[in-house]
Amino acid sequence: MEKTRRRGTGRPREFDADEALGRALLVFWEKGYEGASLANLTEAMGISTASMYATFGNKEQLFRKALERYEQGPSAYVVSALAAPTALEVARGLLLGTVRTTTCPDQPHGCLGVQAALATGDAGREIRALLSDWRNNGHALLRERFQRAVEEGDLPPGTDAGLLARYVHVLQGGIAVEAASGVSGEELRALADAALRHWPAV
């Protein structure tokens, strides 16, 4: 666990950089990239602006680190879902994982990637590009997994793996938006079940 010394007047203090990053993640998740001000971030992290810059870099660099934390923590279900033995189980794991993550009562509702991508000003341009690449990478991984399912006979011959991957991604994004709007996990799980009811059968 990384400890960082914070210098200032009086007695030097230390803060837990990992814990501070976790708190910054929650601020970005709740408020989006543009909505999260430096004051919001440093207050939640319990550090000064100078300490934030010294430890994490600027706001954009802090967000990039927070996104990595998100991938390793709340969004880690994606890796296990992609490793499922069948394409249907992959899709189910992704959709139900999205429901769990976006409706968990102990964290902000919705998806960090969706919330942060709502940035509209020039200051958010690099973050929009980052998140676009992040989503495109996720789609590419899912397309490759579904293409392998076609080649292995788990999906019907001629299945458009890219289109099927896009379908699942759109559902994930829709679930995240609905969750952020207050739709319950129970209702979203029912939606995921309905969406998979007509999954391509061999």
N, C-alpha and C. Protein backbone atom coordinates (compact mmCIF):
# COMPACT_ATOMS: atom_id res chain seq x y z
N MET A 1 0.84 -1.19 0.00
CA MET A 1 0.00 0.00 0.00
C MET A 1 0.88 1.23 0.00
N GLU A 2 0.69 2.07 -1.00
CA GLU A 2 1.58 3.22 -1.18
C GLU A 2 1.23 4.33 -0.21
N LYS A 3 2.21 4.81 0.50
CA LYS A 3 2.03 5.96 1.37
C LYS A 3 2.77 7.15 0.77
N THR A 4 2.14 8.29 0.75
CA THR A 4 2.76 9.48 0.21
C THR A 4 2.81 10.55 1.27
N ARG A 5 3.99 11.16 1.44
CA ARG A 5 4.15 12.22 2.44
C ARG A 5 3.66 13.53 1.86
N ARG A 6 2.83 14.22 2.63
CA ARG A 6 2.32 15.51 2.21
C ARG A 6 3.02 16.59 3.02
N ARG A 7 3.64 17.51 2.32
CA ARG A 7 4.38 18.56 2.99
C ARG A 7 3.53 19.82 3.09
N GLY A 8 3.73 20.58 4.12
CA GLY A 8 3.00 21.82 4.31
C GLY A 8 3.52 22.47 5.56
N THR A 9 2.76 23.41 6.08
CA THR A 9 3.18 24.04 7.31
C THR A 9 2.94 23.10 8.47
N GLY A 10 3.80 23.15 9.45
CA GLY A 10 3.61 22.28 10.61
C GLY A 10 4.13 20.89 10.33
N ARG A 11 3.57 19.94 11.05
CA ARG A 11 4.02 18.55 10.99
C ARG A 11 3.66 17.89 9.65
N PRO A 12 4.62 17.26 8.98
CA PRO A 12 4.31 16.57 7.73
C PRO A 12 3.29 15.46 7.96
N ARG A 13 2.38 15.28 6.99
CA ARG A 13 1.38 14.24 7.11
C ARG A 13 1.52 13.26 5.94
N GLU A 14 1.03 12.06 6.13
CA GLU A 14 1.06 11.06 5.08
C GLU A 14 -0.37 10.73 4.68
N PHE A 15 -0.55 10.34 3.41
CA PHE A 15 -1.86 9.85 3.01
C PHE A 15 -1.67 8.60 2.16
N ASP A 16 -2.70 7.79 2.13
CA ASP A 16 -2.69 6.55 1.38
C ASP A 16 -3.08 6.86 -0.06
N ALA A 17 -2.13 6.77 -0.97
CA ALA A 17 -2.39 7.12 -2.36
C ALA A 17 -3.43 6.20 -3.00
N ASP A 18 -3.41 4.91 -2.65
CA ASP A 18 -4.39 3.99 -3.20
C ASP A 18 -5.79 4.34 -2.75
N GLU A 19 -5.92 4.67 -1.48
CA GLU A 19 -7.23 5.04 -0.95
C GLU A 19 -7.70 6.36 -1.58
N ALA A 20 -6.78 7.29 -1.74
CA ALA A 20 -7.13 8.57 -2.36
C ALA A 20 -7.59 8.37 -3.79
N LEU A 21 -6.93 7.48 -4.52
CA LEU A 21 -7.33 7.21 -5.90
C LEU A 21 -8.72 6.58 -5.94
N GLY A 22 -8.99 5.67 -4.99
CA GLY A 22 -10.31 5.06 -4.92
C GLY A 22 -11.40 6.09 -4.69
N ARG A 23 -11.12 7.09 -3.87
CA ARG A 23 -12.09 8.15 -3.63
C ARG A 23 -12.28 9.03 -4.85
N ALA A 24 -11.19 9.29 -5.57
CA ALA A 24 -11.28 10.08 -6.80
C ALA A 24 -12.13 9.33 -7.83
N LEU A 25 -11.97 8.03 -7.90
CA LEU A 25 -12.76 7.21 -8.81
C LEU A 25 -14.25 7.42 -8.55
N LEU A 26 -14.65 7.40 -7.30
CA LEU A 26 -16.06 7.57 -6.96
C LEU A 26 -16.58 8.94 -7.37
N VAL A 27 -15.74 9.97 -7.25
CA VAL A 27 -16.15 11.31 -7.65
C VAL A 27 -16.36 11.37 -9.16
N PHE A 28 -15.40 10.85 -9.93
CA PHE A 28 -15.55 10.83 -11.38
C PHE A 28 -16.78 10.01 -11.79
N TRP A 29 -16.99 8.90 -11.12
CA TRP A 29 -18.09 8.00 -11.43
C TRP A 29 -19.43 8.69 -11.19
N GLU A 30 -19.51 9.43 -10.12
CA GLU A 30 -20.77 10.09 -9.77
C GLU A 30 -21.02 11.35 -10.59
N LYS A 31 -19.97 12.13 -10.81
CA LYS A 31 -20.15 13.45 -11.42
C LYS A 31 -19.74 13.53 -12.88
N GLY A 32 -19.08 12.51 -13.41
CA GLY A 32 -18.54 12.59 -14.75
C GLY A 32 -17.21 13.33 -14.74
N TYR A 33 -16.54 13.37 -15.88
CA TYR A 33 -15.22 14.01 -15.92
C TYR A 33 -15.32 15.51 -15.75
N GLU A 34 -16.14 16.16 -16.55
CA GLU A 34 -16.25 17.61 -16.47
C GLU A 34 -16.91 18.06 -15.17
N GLY A 35 -17.86 17.27 -14.68
CA GLY A 35 -18.57 17.65 -13.47
C GLY A 35 -17.73 17.55 -12.21
N ALA A 36 -16.65 16.78 -12.28
CA ALA A 36 -15.77 16.61 -11.12
C ALA A 36 -14.74 17.74 -11.10
N SER A 37 -14.93 18.70 -10.21
CA SER A 37 -13.99 19.82 -10.12
C SER A 37 -12.78 19.40 -9.27
N LEU A 38 -11.72 20.17 -9.37
CA LEU A 38 -10.55 19.91 -8.54
C LEU A 38 -10.91 19.99 -7.06
N ALA A 39 -11.82 20.92 -6.72
CA ALA A 39 -12.25 21.05 -5.34
C ALA A 39 -12.99 19.79 -4.88
N ASN A 40 -13.87 19.26 -5.74
CA ASN A 40 -14.57 18.01 -5.43
C ASN A 40 -13.57 16.88 -5.18
N LEU A 41 -12.61 16.79 -6.09
CA LEU A 41 -11.65 15.68 -6.04
C LEU A 41 -10.75 15.75 -4.82
N THR A 42 -10.14 16.91 -4.59
CA THR A 42 -9.20 17.01 -3.47
C THR A 42 -9.92 16.88 -2.13
N GLU A 43 -11.15 17.39 -2.05
CA GLU A 43 -11.90 17.26 -0.81
C GLU A 43 -12.19 15.79 -0.51
N ALA A 44 -12.64 15.06 -1.53
CA ALA A 44 -12.94 13.64 -1.35
C ALA A 44 -11.68 12.84 -1.05
N MET A 45 -10.57 13.21 -1.68
CA MET A 45 -9.31 12.49 -1.50
C MET A 45 -8.63 12.85 -0.18
N GLY A 46 -9.03 13.99 0.40
CA GLY A 46 -8.44 14.42 1.66
C GLY A 46 -7.02 14.93 1.51
N ILE A 47 -6.72 15.55 0.37
CA ILE A 47 -5.38 16.06 0.12
C ILE A 47 -5.46 17.45 -0.50
N SER A 48 -4.35 18.14 -0.55
CA SER A 48 -4.31 19.46 -1.17
C SER A 48 -4.16 19.31 -2.69
N THR A 49 -4.44 20.38 -3.40
CA THR A 49 -4.26 20.37 -4.85
C THR A 49 -2.81 20.10 -5.21
N ALA A 50 -1.89 20.70 -4.44
CA ALA A 50 -0.46 20.48 -4.71
C ALA A 50 -0.09 19.02 -4.56
N SER A 51 -0.63 18.38 -3.53
CA SER A 51 -0.35 16.95 -3.32
C SER A 51 -0.94 16.10 -4.43
N MET A 52 -2.12 16.49 -4.91
CA MET A 52 -2.73 15.74 -6.00
C MET A 52 -1.86 15.79 -7.25
N TYR A 53 -1.41 17.01 -7.59
CA TYR A 53 -0.56 17.16 -8.78
C TYR A 53 0.76 16.41 -8.60
N ALA A 54 1.33 16.48 -7.41
CA ALA A 54 2.62 15.83 -7.17
C ALA A 54 2.51 14.31 -7.25
N THR A 55 1.38 13.77 -6.82
CA THR A 55 1.23 12.31 -6.75
C THR A 55 0.60 11.72 -8.00
N PHE A 56 -0.40 12.39 -8.54
CA PHE A 56 -1.18 11.79 -9.64
C PHE A 56 -1.05 12.54 -10.96
N GLY A 57 -0.48 13.73 -10.96
CA GLY A 57 -0.45 14.53 -12.17
C GLY A 57 -1.68 15.42 -12.23
N ASN A 58 -2.02 15.88 -13.42
CA ASN A 58 -3.18 16.76 -13.55
C ASN A 58 -4.49 15.97 -13.53
N LYS A 59 -5.60 16.65 -13.73
CA LYS A 59 -6.91 16.01 -13.64
C LYS A 59 -7.06 14.90 -14.67
N GLU A 60 -6.60 15.14 -15.89
CA GLU A 60 -6.71 14.11 -16.93
C GLU A 60 -5.90 12.86 -16.55
N GLN A 61 -4.69 13.06 -16.03
CA GLN A 61 -3.87 11.92 -15.63
C GLN A 61 -4.51 11.18 -14.46
N LEU A 62 -5.12 11.93 -13.56
CA LEU A 62 -5.83 11.31 -12.43
C LEU A 62 -6.98 10.47 -12.94
N PHE A 63 -7.71 10.98 -13.92
CA PHE A 63 -8.82 10.21 -14.47
C PHE A 63 -8.34 8.92 -15.13
N ARG A 64 -7.23 9.00 -15.85
CA ARG A 64 -6.70 7.80 -16.50
C ARG A 64 -6.36 6.73 -15.46
N LYS A 65 -5.80 7.15 -14.34
CA LYS A 65 -5.49 6.21 -13.27
C LYS A 65 -6.77 5.66 -12.64
N ALA A 66 -7.78 6.52 -12.52
CA ALA A 66 -9.06 6.08 -11.97
C ALA A 66 -9.74 5.07 -12.90
N LEU A 67 -9.62 5.28 -14.21
CA LEU A 67 -10.19 4.34 -15.17
C LEU A 67 -9.51 2.98 -15.06
N GLU A 68 -8.20 2.98 -14.88
CA GLU A 68 -7.48 1.72 -14.68
C GLU A 68 -7.97 1.01 -13.41
N ARG A 69 -8.19 1.78 -12.36
CA ARG A 69 -8.71 1.21 -11.11
C ARG A 69 -10.10 0.63 -11.34
N TYR A 70 -10.91 1.32 -12.12
CA TYR A 70 -12.26 0.86 -12.44
C TYR A 70 -12.21 -0.48 -13.18
N GLU A 71 -11.30 -0.59 -14.13
CA GLU A 71 -11.16 -1.84 -14.90
C GLU A 71 -10.75 -3.00 -14.00
N GLN A 72 -9.89 -2.72 -13.05
CA GLN A 72 -9.36 -3.77 -12.17
C GLN A 72 -10.32 -4.13 -11.04
N GLY A 73 -11.26 -3.22 -10.74
CA GLY A 73 -12.18 -3.43 -9.64
C GLY A 73 -13.60 -3.66 -10.11
N PRO A 74 -14.44 -2.61 -10.13
CA PRO A 74 -15.85 -2.77 -10.49
C PRO A 74 -16.09 -3.42 -11.84
N SER A 75 -15.20 -3.16 -12.81
CA SER A 75 -15.40 -3.69 -14.16
C SER A 75 -14.63 -4.98 -14.42
N ALA A 76 -14.09 -5.59 -13.38
CA ALA A 76 -13.28 -6.81 -13.56
C ALA A 76 -14.11 -8.00 -14.03
N TYR A 77 -15.43 -7.91 -13.90
CA TYR A 77 -16.29 -9.00 -14.36
C TYR A 77 -16.13 -9.25 -15.87
N VAL A 78 -15.68 -8.24 -16.62
CA VAL A 78 -15.55 -8.38 -18.07
C VAL A 78 -14.56 -9.49 -18.42
N VAL A 79 -13.46 -9.55 -17.72
CA VAL A 79 -12.43 -10.56 -18.01
C VAL A 79 -12.98 -11.96 -17.77
N SER A 80 -13.65 -12.16 -16.64
CA SER A 80 -14.19 -13.50 -16.35
C SER A 80 -15.32 -13.86 -17.30
N ALA A 81 -16.12 -12.86 -17.71
CA ALA A 81 -17.21 -13.14 -18.65
C ALA A 81 -16.66 -13.58 -19.99
N LEU A 82 -15.61 -12.93 -20.48
CA LEU A 82 -15.03 -13.30 -21.77
C LEU A 82 -14.42 -14.70 -21.76
N ALA A 83 -14.09 -15.19 -20.56
CA ALA A 83 -13.50 -16.53 -20.44
C ALA A 83 -14.55 -17.62 -20.32
N ALA A 84 -15.83 -17.28 -20.32
CA ALA A 84 -16.89 -18.28 -20.20
C ALA A 84 -16.84 -19.23 -21.40
N PRO A 85 -17.28 -20.48 -21.21
CA PRO A 85 -17.12 -21.50 -22.26
C PRO A 85 -18.00 -21.33 -23.49
N THR A 86 -19.13 -20.64 -23.39
CA THR A 86 -19.99 -20.47 -24.56
C THR A 86 -20.27 -18.98 -24.79
N ALA A 87 -20.65 -18.66 -26.03
CA ALA A 87 -20.95 -17.27 -26.36
C ALA A 87 -22.14 -16.76 -25.56
N LEU A 88 -23.14 -17.61 -25.36
CA LEU A 88 -24.31 -17.20 -24.58
C LEU A 88 -23.91 -16.88 -23.14
N GLU A 89 -23.04 -17.69 -22.57
CA GLU A 89 -22.58 -17.43 -21.20
C GLU A 89 -21.73 -16.16 -21.13
N VAL A 90 -20.97 -15.90 -22.20
CA VAL A 90 -20.21 -14.65 -22.27
C VAL A 90 -21.17 -13.46 -22.21
N ALA A 91 -22.17 -13.49 -23.07
CA ALA A 91 -23.14 -12.39 -23.13
C ALA A 91 -23.88 -12.24 -21.81
N ARG A 92 -24.30 -13.36 -21.23
CA ARG A 92 -25.02 -13.30 -19.95
C ARG A 92 -24.13 -12.73 -18.85
N GLY A 93 -22.88 -13.17 -18.83
CA GLY A 93 -21.94 -12.67 -17.82
C GLY A 93 -21.71 -11.17 -17.95
N LEU A 94 -21.62 -10.68 -19.19
CA LEU A 94 -21.41 -9.25 -19.41
C LEU A 94 -22.64 -8.44 -18.99
N LEU A 95 -23.82 -8.91 -19.38
CA LEU A 95 -25.03 -8.15 -19.07
C LEU A 95 -25.34 -8.15 -17.58
N LEU A 96 -25.24 -9.32 -16.96
CA LEU A 96 -25.54 -9.38 -15.53
C LEU A 96 -24.44 -8.70 -14.72
N GLY A 97 -23.20 -8.76 -15.20
CA GLY A 97 -22.12 -8.03 -14.54
C GLY A 97 -22.35 -6.54 -14.61
N THR A 98 -22.85 -6.08 -15.75
CA THR A 98 -23.17 -4.66 -15.89
C THR A 98 -24.28 -4.26 -14.93
N VAL A 99 -25.29 -5.10 -14.81
CA VAL A 99 -26.39 -4.81 -13.88
C VAL A 99 -25.86 -4.71 -12.45
N ARG A 100 -25.06 -5.69 -12.04
CA ARG A 100 -24.52 -5.67 -10.67
C ARG A 100 -23.70 -4.41 -10.40
N THR A 101 -22.82 -4.09 -11.33
CA THR A 101 -21.92 -2.96 -11.14
C THR A 101 -22.65 -1.63 -11.14
N THR A 102 -23.64 -1.50 -12.01
CA THR A 102 -24.30 -0.20 -12.17
C THR A 102 -25.42 0.04 -11.16
N THR A 103 -25.81 -1.00 -10.42
CA THR A 103 -26.90 -0.83 -9.44
C THR A 103 -26.45 -1.13 -8.02
N CYS A 104 -25.16 -1.36 -7.81
CA CYS A 104 -24.66 -1.68 -6.47
C CYS A 104 -24.98 -0.53 -5.51
N PRO A 105 -25.58 -0.80 -4.36
CA PRO A 105 -25.95 0.28 -3.44
C PRO A 105 -24.77 0.98 -2.78
N ASP A 106 -23.60 0.36 -2.82
CA ASP A 106 -22.43 0.94 -2.15
C ASP A 106 -21.58 1.84 -3.03
N GLN A 107 -22.03 2.08 -4.26
CA GLN A 107 -21.25 2.91 -5.17
C GLN A 107 -22.19 3.67 -6.11
N PRO A 108 -21.70 4.65 -6.84
CA PRO A 108 -22.58 5.40 -7.74
C PRO A 108 -23.25 4.48 -8.76
N HIS A 109 -24.48 4.80 -9.11
CA HIS A 109 -25.18 4.02 -10.13
C HIS A 109 -24.73 4.46 -11.51
N GLY A 110 -24.87 3.57 -12.46
CA GLY A 110 -24.41 3.85 -13.81
C GLY A 110 -22.99 3.37 -14.02
N CYS A 111 -22.42 3.74 -15.15
CA CYS A 111 -21.07 3.28 -15.55
C CYS A 111 -20.12 4.47 -15.63
N LEU A 112 -18.93 4.32 -15.11
CA LEU A 112 -17.94 5.38 -15.18
C LEU A 112 -17.70 5.82 -16.62
N GLY A 113 -17.58 4.84 -17.52
CA GLY A 113 -17.31 5.16 -18.92
C GLY A 113 -18.41 5.97 -19.56
N VAL A 114 -19.66 5.67 -19.21
CA VAL A 114 -20.80 6.40 -19.76
C VAL A 114 -20.89 7.78 -19.13
N GLN A 115 -20.78 7.85 -17.81
CA GLN A 115 -20.89 9.14 -17.12
C GLN A 115 -19.81 10.12 -17.58
N ALA A 116 -18.59 9.64 -17.65
CA ALA A 116 -17.48 10.52 -18.02
C ALA A 116 -17.54 10.92 -19.48
N ALA A 117 -18.11 10.08 -20.34
CA ALA A 117 -18.18 10.37 -21.77
C ALA A 117 -19.17 11.47 -22.09
N LEU A 118 -19.96 11.90 -21.11
CA LEU A 118 -20.93 12.95 -21.34
C LEU A 118 -20.27 14.33 -21.38
N ALA A 119 -18.95 14.39 -21.24
CA ALA A 119 -18.22 15.66 -21.33
C ALA A 119 -18.49 16.31 -22.68
N THR A 120 -18.74 17.61 -22.66
CA THR A 120 -19.09 18.29 -23.91
C THR A 120 -18.11 19.41 -24.29
N GLY A 121 -17.37 19.95 -23.34
CA GLY A 121 -16.48 21.07 -23.62
C GLY A 121 -15.13 20.63 -24.16
N ASP A 122 -14.35 21.61 -24.55
CA ASP A 122 -13.01 21.33 -25.08
C ASP A 122 -12.14 20.62 -24.05
N ALA A 123 -12.37 20.91 -22.77
CA ALA A 123 -11.55 20.30 -21.72
C ALA A 123 -11.73 18.79 -21.66
N GLY A 124 -12.86 18.31 -22.17
CA GLY A 124 -13.12 16.87 -22.11
C GLY A 124 -12.79 16.12 -23.38
N ARG A 125 -12.18 16.81 -24.36
CA ARG A 125 -11.94 16.19 -25.66
C ARG A 125 -11.04 14.96 -25.54
N GLU A 126 -9.95 15.08 -24.80
CA GLU A 126 -9.02 13.95 -24.67
C GLU A 126 -9.67 12.79 -23.94
N ILE A 127 -10.52 13.10 -22.98
CA ILE A 127 -11.20 12.03 -22.23
C ILE A 127 -12.23 11.34 -23.11
N ARG A 128 -12.94 12.09 -23.93
CA ARG A 128 -13.88 11.46 -24.87
C ARG A 128 -13.15 10.52 -25.80
N ALA A 129 -11.98 10.95 -26.29
CA ALA A 129 -11.19 10.09 -27.18
C ALA A 129 -10.70 8.84 -26.43
N LEU A 130 -10.26 9.04 -25.19
CA LEU A 130 -9.80 7.91 -24.38
C LEU A 130 -10.91 6.89 -24.20
N LEU A 131 -12.11 7.36 -23.85
CA LEU A 131 -13.22 6.45 -23.60
C LEU A 131 -13.75 5.82 -24.87
N SER A 132 -13.63 6.54 -25.98
CA SER A 132 -14.00 5.96 -27.27
C SER A 132 -13.08 4.78 -27.59
N ASP A 133 -11.78 4.97 -27.38
CA ASP A 133 -10.82 3.89 -27.59
C ASP A 133 -11.10 2.74 -26.62
N TRP A 134 -11.44 3.08 -25.38
CA TRP A 134 -11.73 2.07 -24.36
C TRP A 134 -12.92 1.20 -24.78
N ARG A 135 -13.98 1.84 -25.25
CA ARG A 135 -15.16 1.09 -25.69
C ARG A 135 -14.86 0.28 -26.95
N ASN A 136 -14.12 0.89 -27.88
CA ASN A 136 -13.79 0.17 -29.12
C ASN A 136 -12.94 -1.05 -28.84
N ASN A 137 -12.04 -0.95 -27.87
CA ASN A 137 -11.22 -2.10 -27.50
C ASN A 137 -12.10 -3.21 -26.92
N GLY A 138 -13.05 -2.81 -26.09
CA GLY A 138 -13.97 -3.80 -25.52
C GLY A 138 -14.78 -4.49 -26.59
N HIS A 139 -15.24 -3.72 -27.57
CA HIS A 139 -16.00 -4.30 -28.68
C HIS A 139 -15.13 -5.26 -29.48
N ALA A 140 -13.87 -4.89 -29.73
CA ALA A 140 -12.97 -5.74 -30.50
C ALA A 140 -12.72 -7.08 -29.80
N LEU A 141 -12.53 -7.03 -28.49
CA LEU A 141 -12.32 -8.26 -27.73
C LEU A 141 -13.55 -9.17 -27.79
N LEU A 142 -14.72 -8.56 -27.69
CA LEU A 142 -15.95 -9.35 -27.74
C LEU A 142 -16.18 -9.91 -29.14
N ARG A 143 -15.90 -9.12 -30.17
CA ARG A 143 -16.03 -9.59 -31.54
C ARG A 143 -15.12 -10.80 -31.78
N GLU A 144 -13.89 -10.72 -31.30
CA GLU A 144 -12.95 -11.83 -31.46
C GLU A 144 -13.47 -13.08 -30.75
N ARG A 145 -14.05 -12.88 -29.55
CA ARG A 145 -14.56 -14.03 -28.80
C ARG A 145 -15.74 -14.67 -29.52
N PHE A 146 -16.63 -13.85 -30.08
CA PHE A 146 -17.78 -14.39 -30.80
C PHE A 146 -17.36 -15.02 -32.13
N GLN A 147 -16.33 -14.46 -32.77
CA GLN A 147 -15.84 -15.07 -34.01
C GLN A 147 -15.27 -16.45 -33.72
N ARG A 148 -14.59 -16.58 -32.59
CA ARG A 148 -14.08 -17.90 -32.20
C ARG A 148 -15.23 -18.86 -31.95
N ALA A 149 -16.32 -18.34 -31.39
CA ALA A 149 -17.49 -19.18 -31.15
C ALA A 149 -18.10 -19.67 -32.46
N VAL A 150 -18.07 -18.82 -33.49
CA VAL A 150 -18.56 -19.23 -34.81
C VAL A 150 -17.67 -20.34 -35.37
N GLU A 151 -16.37 -20.15 -35.28
CA GLU A 151 -15.42 -21.14 -35.81
C GLU A 151 -15.49 -22.46 -35.06
N GLU A 152 -15.83 -22.41 -33.79
CA GLU A 152 -15.92 -23.63 -32.98
C GLU A 152 -17.29 -24.29 -33.07
N GLY A 153 -18.23 -23.67 -33.77
CA GLY A 153 -19.56 -24.24 -33.91
C GLY A 153 -20.50 -23.92 -32.77
N ASP A 154 -20.09 -22.99 -31.91
CA ASP A 154 -20.93 -22.60 -30.78
C ASP A 154 -21.98 -21.58 -31.22
N LEU A 155 -21.71 -20.84 -32.28
CA LEU A 155 -22.66 -19.93 -32.92
C LEU A 155 -22.90 -20.41 -34.35
N PRO A 156 -24.07 -20.13 -34.91
CA PRO A 156 -24.38 -20.61 -36.26
C PRO A 156 -23.41 -20.07 -37.31
N PRO A 157 -23.12 -20.86 -38.34
CA PRO A 157 -22.26 -20.38 -39.43
C PRO A 157 -22.84 -19.11 -40.03
N GLY A 158 -21.99 -18.19 -40.39
CA GLY A 158 -22.47 -16.96 -40.99
C GLY A 158 -22.88 -15.89 -40.00
N THR A 159 -22.82 -16.19 -38.70
CA THR A 159 -23.16 -15.18 -37.70
C THR A 159 -22.20 -14.00 -37.82
N ASP A 160 -22.73 -12.80 -37.83
CA ASP A 160 -21.91 -11.58 -37.88
C ASP A 160 -21.41 -11.30 -36.46
N ALA A 161 -20.19 -11.72 -36.18
CA ALA A 161 -19.65 -11.59 -34.82
C ALA A 161 -19.55 -10.13 -34.39
N GLY A 162 -19.21 -9.25 -35.33
CA GLY A 162 -19.11 -7.83 -34.99
C GLY A 162 -20.45 -7.23 -34.62
N LEU A 163 -21.48 -7.59 -35.39
CA LEU A 163 -22.82 -7.07 -35.11
C LEU A 163 -23.34 -7.60 -33.78
N LEU A 164 -23.10 -8.88 -33.52
CA LEU A 164 -23.55 -9.48 -32.27
C LEU A 164 -22.83 -8.84 -31.08
N ALA A 165 -21.55 -8.56 -31.24
CA ALA A 165 -20.79 -7.89 -30.18
C ALA A 165 -21.33 -6.49 -29.95
N ARG A 166 -21.69 -5.79 -31.05
CA ARG A 166 -22.24 -4.44 -30.92
C ARG A 166 -23.59 -4.48 -30.20
N TYR A 167 -24.37 -5.50 -30.49
CA TYR A 167 -25.67 -5.66 -29.84
C TYR A 167 -25.50 -5.77 -28.33
N VAL A 168 -24.57 -6.61 -27.89
CA VAL A 168 -24.33 -6.78 -26.46
C VAL A 168 -23.80 -5.48 -25.85
N HIS A 169 -22.92 -4.79 -26.55
CA HIS A 169 -22.37 -3.53 -26.04
C HIS A 169 -23.45 -2.46 -25.90
N VAL A 170 -24.34 -2.40 -26.87
CA VAL A 170 -25.43 -1.42 -26.80
C VAL A 170 -26.33 -1.73 -25.61
N LEU A 171 -26.59 -3.01 -25.39
CA LEU A 171 -27.39 -3.40 -24.23
C LEU A 171 -26.70 -3.00 -22.93
N GLN A 172 -25.39 -3.21 -22.86
CA GLN A 172 -24.65 -2.82 -21.65
C GLN A 172 -24.76 -1.31 -21.42
N GLY A 173 -24.58 -0.53 -22.48
CA GLY A 173 -24.68 0.91 -22.34
C GLY A 173 -26.07 1.35 -21.93
N GLY A 174 -27.08 0.71 -22.50
CA GLY A 174 -28.45 1.03 -22.14
C GLY A 174 -28.75 0.70 -20.69
N ILE A 175 -28.26 -0.43 -20.24
CA ILE A 175 -28.44 -0.83 -18.83
C ILE A 175 -27.81 0.21 -17.92
N ALA A 176 -26.61 0.66 -18.28
CA ALA A 176 -25.91 1.65 -17.45
C ALA A 176 -26.68 2.96 -17.37
N VAL A 177 -27.23 3.41 -18.50
CA VAL A 177 -28.00 4.65 -18.51
C VAL A 177 -29.26 4.50 -17.66
N GLU A 178 -29.96 3.38 -17.82
CA GLU A 178 -31.17 3.15 -17.04
C GLU A 178 -30.87 3.05 -15.54
N ALA A 179 -29.76 2.40 -15.21
CA ALA A 179 -29.36 2.28 -13.81
C ALA A 179 -29.09 3.65 -13.21
N ALA A 180 -28.41 4.51 -13.98
CA ALA A 180 -28.13 5.86 -13.51
C ALA A 180 -29.40 6.67 -13.32
N SER A 181 -30.47 6.26 -14.02
CA SER A 181 -31.75 6.95 -13.90
C SER A 181 -32.60 6.39 -12.77
N GLY A 182 -32.09 5.36 -12.08
CA GLY A 182 -32.79 4.82 -10.93
C GLY A 182 -33.57 3.54 -11.16
N VAL A 183 -33.46 2.96 -12.35
CA VAL A 183 -34.15 1.69 -12.61
C VAL A 183 -33.51 0.60 -11.74
N SER A 184 -34.32 -0.27 -11.18
CA SER A 184 -33.83 -1.26 -10.22
C SER A 184 -33.04 -2.38 -10.89
N GLY A 185 -32.19 -3.01 -10.10
CA GLY A 185 -31.44 -4.15 -10.59
C GLY A 185 -32.35 -5.29 -11.01
N GLU A 186 -33.44 -5.49 -10.29
CA GLU A 186 -34.37 -6.56 -10.63
C GLU A 186 -34.96 -6.37 -12.01
N GLU A 187 -35.37 -5.14 -12.30
CA GLU A 187 -35.94 -4.86 -13.61
C GLU A 187 -34.89 -4.99 -14.71
N LEU A 188 -33.68 -4.57 -14.44
CA LEU A 188 -32.63 -4.66 -15.45
C LEU A 188 -32.18 -6.09 -15.69
N ARG A 189 -32.22 -6.92 -14.65
CA ARG A 189 -31.91 -8.35 -14.85
C ARG A 189 -32.98 -9.00 -15.72
N ALA A 190 -34.24 -8.61 -15.51
CA ALA A 190 -35.32 -9.14 -16.35
C ALA A 190 -35.13 -8.70 -17.80
N LEU A 191 -34.67 -7.47 -17.99
CA LEU A 191 -34.40 -6.97 -19.34
C LEU A 191 -33.29 -7.78 -19.99
N ALA A 192 -32.22 -8.05 -19.23
CA ALA A 192 -31.11 -8.84 -19.77
C ALA A 192 -31.57 -10.24 -20.16
N ASP A 193 -32.39 -10.85 -19.32
CA ASP A 193 -32.92 -12.19 -19.64
C ASP A 193 -33.75 -12.15 -20.92
N ALA A 194 -34.57 -11.11 -21.06
CA ALA A 194 -35.41 -10.99 -22.25
C ALA A 194 -34.56 -10.79 -23.50
N ALA A 195 -33.50 -10.03 -23.38
CA ALA A 195 -32.64 -9.75 -24.53
C ALA A 195 -31.93 -11.01 -25.01
N LEU A 196 -31.67 -11.95 -24.10
CA LEU A 196 -30.94 -13.18 -24.46
C LEU A 196 -31.87 -14.33 -24.82
N ARG A 197 -33.17 -14.11 -24.74
CA ARG A 197 -34.13 -15.19 -24.96
C ARG A 197 -34.06 -15.73 -26.37
N HIS A 198 -33.70 -14.90 -27.32
CA HIS A 198 -33.64 -15.33 -28.72
C HIS A 198 -32.21 -15.34 -29.24
N TRP A 199 -31.29 -15.75 -28.38
CA TRP A 199 -29.87 -15.85 -28.75
C TRP A 199 -29.72 -16.82 -29.93
N PRO A 200 -28.84 -16.53 -30.87
CA PRO A 200 -28.64 -17.43 -32.03
C PRO A 200 -28.31 -18.85 -31.60
N ALA A 201 -29.09 -19.79 -32.08
CA ALA A 201 -28.90 -21.20 -31.73
C ALA A 201 -28.32 -21.95 -32.92
N VAL A 202 -27.46 -22.92 -32.62
CA VAL A 202 -26.86 -23.73 -33.68
C VAL A 202 -27.88 -24.69 -34.25
